[in-house]
C-alpha atoms as a PDB file:
ATOM      1  CA  MET A   1       1.124  19.350  22.872  1.00  0.00           C
ATOM      2  CA  TYR A   2       1.741  19.422  19.111  1.00  0.00           C
ATOM      3  CA  THR A   3       4.325  17.680  16.960  1.00  0.00           C
ATOM      4  CA  VAL A   4       5.038  19.510  13.704  1.00  0.00           C
ATOM      5  CA  ARG A   5       7.723  19.309  11.040  1.00  0.00           C
ATOM      6  CA  GLY A   6       9.761  22.363  10.282  1.00  0.00           C
ATOM      7  CA  GLU A   7      12.834  23.579   8.488  1.00  0.00           C
ATOM      8  CA  VAL A   8      15.984  25.139   9.894  1.00  0.00           C
ATOM      9  CA  THR A   9      17.224  27.726   7.419  1.00  0.00           C
ATOM     10  CA  ARG A  10      20.877  28.465   6.635  1.00  0.00           C
ATOM     11  CA  ASP A  11      20.659  31.658   8.688  1.00  0.00           C
ATOM     12  CA  GLY A  12      19.514  29.741  11.780  1.00  0.00           C
ATOM     13  CA  ARG A  13      15.786  30.413  11.689  1.00  0.00           C
ATOM     14  CA  LEU A  14      13.192  27.728  12.373  1.00  0.00           C
ATOM     15  CA  VAL A  15      10.192  27.748  10.028  1.00  0.00           C
ATOM     16  CA  VAL A  16       7.095  25.752  11.014  1.00  0.00           C
ATOM     17  CA  ALA A  17       3.418  25.800  10.157  1.00  0.00           C
ATOM     18  CA  LEU A  18       1.220  25.368  13.209  1.00  0.00           C
ATOM     19  CA  PRO A  19      -2.062  23.508  12.984  1.00  0.00           C
ATOM     20  CA  PRO A  20      -5.310  25.499  13.093  1.00  0.00           C
ATOM     21  CA  GLY A  21      -6.583  26.311  16.576  1.00  0.00           C
ATOM     22  CA  VAL A  22      -3.223  26.822  18.302  1.00  0.00           C
ATOM     23  CA  GLU A  23      -3.746  29.659  20.754  1.00  0.00           C
ATOM     24  CA  PRO A  24      -1.310  32.600  20.647  1.00  0.00           C
ATOM     25  CA  GLY A  25       1.086  32.933  23.557  1.00  0.00           C
ATOM     26  CA  GLU A  26       4.371  31.678  24.918  1.00  0.00           C
ATOM     27  CA  ALA A  27       5.476  28.185  23.908  1.00  0.00           C
ATOM     28  CA  SER A  28       8.286  25.800  24.706  1.00  0.00           C
ATOM     29  CA  VAL A  29      10.139  24.389  21.680  1.00  0.00           C
ATOM     30  CA  THR A  30      12.216  21.195  21.493  1.00  0.00           C
ATOM     31  CA  ILE A  31      14.172  20.628  18.281  1.00  0.00           C
ATOM     32  CA  GLU A  32      15.161  17.200  16.975  1.00  0.00           C
ATOM     33  CA  THR A  33      16.989  17.320  13.660  1.00  0.00           C
ATOM     34  CA  THR A  34      16.677  14.454  11.201  1.00  0.00           C
ATOM     35  CA  ALA A  35      18.548  13.414   8.063  1.00  0.00           C
ATOM     36  CA  GLU A  36      15.332  13.753   6.061  1.00  0.00           C
ATOM     37  CA  ALA A  37      15.014  17.382   7.111  1.00  0.00           C
ATOM     38  CA  VAL A  38      17.851  18.525   4.834  1.00  0.00           C
ATOM     39  CA  PRO A  39      17.768  17.567   1.134  1.00  0.00           C
ATOM     40  CA  THR A  40      21.018  16.012  -0.098  1.00  0.00           C
ATOM     41  CA  SER A  41      21.509  18.666  -2.785  1.00  0.00           C
ATOM     42  CA  GLU A  42      21.636  21.398  -0.132  1.00  0.00           C
ATOM     43  CA  TYR A  43      24.435  20.009   2.055  1.00  0.00           C
ATOM     44  CA  PRO A  44      27.059  22.735   2.237  1.00  0.00           C
ATOM     45  CA  ARG A  45      30.567  21.620   1.333  1.00  0.00           C
ATOM     46  CA  GLY A  46      32.697  21.019   4.409  1.00  0.00           C
ATOM     47  CA  ASP A  47      29.753  20.809   6.820  1.00  0.00           C
ATOM     48  CA  ALA A  48      30.545  17.772   8.991  1.00  0.00           C
ATOM     49  CA  ARG A  49      27.072  17.676  10.560  1.00  0.00           C
ATOM     50  CA  ALA A  50      25.438  17.593   7.138  1.00  0.00           C
ATOM     51  CA  ALA A  51      27.803  14.844   5.983  1.00  0.00           C
ATOM     52  CA  LEU A  52      27.009  12.779   9.068  1.00  0.00           C
ATOM     53  CA  ALA A  53      23.274  13.287   8.472  1.00  0.00           C
ATOM     54  CA  LEU A  54      23.697  12.082   4.891  1.00  0.00           C
ATOM     55  CA  LEU A  55      25.599   8.976   6.021  1.00  0.00           C
ATOM     56  CA  ARG A  56      22.900   8.197   8.598  1.00  0.00           C
ATOM     57  CA  LYS A  57      20.225   8.577   5.925  1.00  0.00           C
ATOM     58  CA  TRP A  58      22.058   6.201   3.594  1.00  0.00           C
ATOM     59  CA  GLU A  59      22.524   3.704   6.428  1.00  0.00           C
ATOM     60  CA  ALA A  60      18.815   3.874   7.291  1.00  0.00           C
ATOM     61  CA  GLU A  61      17.967   3.208   3.630  1.00  0.00           C
ATOM     62  CA  GLY A  62      20.206   0.132   3.637  1.00  0.00           C
ATOM     63  CA  TRP A  63      22.736   1.579   1.178  1.00  0.00           C
ATOM     64  CA  ARG A  64      25.922  -0.432   1.212  1.00  0.00           C
ATOM     65  CA  GLY A  65      27.820   0.919  -1.781  1.00  0.00           C
ATOM     66  CA  THR A  66      28.500  -0.788  -5.079  1.00  0.00           C
ATOM     67  CA  GLY A  67      30.090  -3.947  -3.692  1.00  0.00           C
ATOM     68  CA  ARG A  68      33.216  -3.301  -5.783  1.00  0.00           C
ATOM     69  CA  THR A  69      36.693  -3.330  -4.321  1.00  0.00           C
ATOM     70  CA  THR A  70      39.058  -0.365  -4.449  1.00  0.00           C
ATOM     71  CA  GLU A  71      41.187  -2.270  -6.937  1.00  0.00           C
ATOM     72  CA  GLU A  72      38.207  -2.876  -9.245  1.00  0.00           C
ATOM     73  CA  ILE A  73      37.271   0.792  -9.159  1.00  0.00           C
ATOM     74  CA  ASP A  74      40.876   1.856  -9.834  1.00  0.00           C
ATOM     75  CA  ALA A  75      41.107  -0.560 -12.768  1.00  0.00           C
ATOM     76  CA  GLU A  76      37.885   0.830 -14.258  1.00  0.00           C
ATOM     77  CA  LEU A  77      39.131   4.410 -13.853  1.00  0.00           C
ATOM     78  CA  ASN A  78      42.455   3.549 -15.489  1.00  0.00           C
ATOM     79  CA  GLU A  79      40.616   1.900 -18.384  1.00  0.00           C
ATOM     80  CA  MET A  80      38.504   5.026 -18.856  1.00  0.00           C
ATOM     81  CA  ARG A  81      41.598   7.258 -18.773  1.00  0.00           C
ATOM     82  CA  ASP A  82      43.273   5.051 -21.399  1.00  0.00           C
ATOM     83  CA  GLU A  83      40.199   5.410 -23.638  1.00  0.00           C
ATOM     84  CA  TRP A  84      40.289   9.204 -23.250  1.00  0.00           C
ATOM     85  CA  ASP A  85      44.000   9.299 -24.088  1.00  0.00           C
ATOM     86  CA  ASN A  86      43.368   7.298 -27.288  1.00  0.00           C
ATOM     87  CA  ASP A  87      40.619   9.656 -28.505  1.00  0.00           C
END
């Protein structure tokens, strides 16, 4: 039994590199996708599975946001808009 990392392409193909010495012939394949398997920059817009994978990755990394409230963010955005209007 071998455990290898691979990549699922956008067109649904699985690409893996087998270790040396694997004999040719029929094989059984089990696929377990991981958040790390898909780089953030390649998440297609509107893909719910990709978004969920990204959220799981952030959670695993301990990301908890900026710690700012919605009101603080809105106030900062309004301040920036006021600066742009004055330029």
